[in-house]
Protein backbone atom coordinates (compact mmCIF):
# COMPACT_ATOMS: atom_id res chain seq x y z
CA UNK A 1 -13.27 -24.48 2.03
CA UNK A 2 -13.47 -28.19 1.66
CA UNK A 3 -16.55 -30.25 2.21
CA UNK A 4 -15.47 -30.70 5.83
CA UNK A 5 -15.21 -27.10 6.62
CA UNK A 6 -11.53 -26.94 6.53
CA UNK A 7 -9.28 -24.53 4.44
CA UNK A 8 -7.30 -26.33 1.60
CA UNK A 9 -3.67 -26.11 1.49
CA UNK A 10 -4.19 -24.24 -1.87
CA UNK A 11 -6.42 -21.73 -0.11
CA UNK A 12 -4.15 -21.14 2.71
CA UNK A 13 -1.00 -20.63 0.34
CA UNK A 14 -3.17 -18.10 -1.70
CA UNK A 15 -4.13 -16.26 1.39
CA UNK A 16 -0.46 -16.05 2.59
CA UNK A 17 0.74 -15.04 -0.70
CA UNK A 18 -1.61 -11.97 -0.59
CA UNK A 19 -0.46 -11.26 3.07
CA UNK A 20 3.12 -11.36 1.79
CA UNK A 21 2.51 -9.18 -1.20
CA UNK A 22 0.74 -6.56 0.90
CA UNK A 23 3.80 -6.59 3.42
CA UNK A 24 6.01 -6.03 0.49
CA UNK A 25 4.02 -3.22 -0.72
CA UNK A 26 3.78 -1.53 2.66
CA UNK A 27 7.48 -1.74 3.01
CA UNK A 28 8.18 0.35 -0.10
CA UNK A 29 5.13 2.56 0.09
CA UNK A 30 7.05 5.30 2.03
CA UNK A 31 9.80 5.44 -0.42
CA UNK A 32 7.16 5.99 -3.32
CA UNK A 33 5.63 8.81 -1.25
CA UNK A 34 8.94 10.39 -0.74
CA UNK A 35 9.75 10.08 -4.39
CA UNK A 36 6.44 11.68 -5.26
CA UNK A 37 6.66 14.61 -2.93
CA UNK A 38 10.09 15.32 -4.27
CA UNK A 39 8.99 15.28 -7.95
CA UNK A 40 6.03 17.50 -6.97
CA UNK A 41 8.48 19.93 -5.42
CA UNK A 42 10.87 19.80 -8.23
CA UNK A 43 7.94 20.75 -10.74
CA UNK A 44 7.13 23.72 -8.61
CA UNK A 45 3.68 22.43 -7.28
CA UNK A 46 2.35 24.97 -4.76
CA UNK A 47 3.38 23.91 -1.12
CA UNK A 48 -0.30 23.65 -0.06
CA UNK A 49 -1.03 20.94 -2.74
CA UNK A 50 2.15 19.08 -1.63
CA UNK A 51 0.88 19.28 2.04
CA UNK A 52 -2.38 17.76 0.79
CA UNK A 53 -0.65 14.77 -0.75
CA UNK A 54 1.42 14.39 2.64
CA UNK A 55 -1.76 14.20 4.37
CA UNK A 56 -3.72 11.85 2.03
CA UNK A 57 -1.17 9.30 0.93
CA UNK A 58 -0.27 7.71 4.17
CA UNK A 59 -3.90 6.83 4.74
CA UNK A 60 -4.57 5.66 1.16
CA UNK A 61 -3.54 2.23 1.79
CA UNK A 62 -5.51 1.54 5.00
CA UNK A 63 -8.27 -0.92 4.24
CA UNK A 64 -11.96 0.10 5.02
């Protein structure tokens, strides 16, 4: 923040870049999950382990 309590253009740009990067990641994350689940099936991982991944992965990117 600048001396007058305002955010600088650089700070705003940096924050926006982080937001944009997260949106890009979130847009491809489902594809990564599908690829991982397909791979786990192809190597014969037990179904209960695959189900565990299905339940855990979608929530792993939620902040907090």
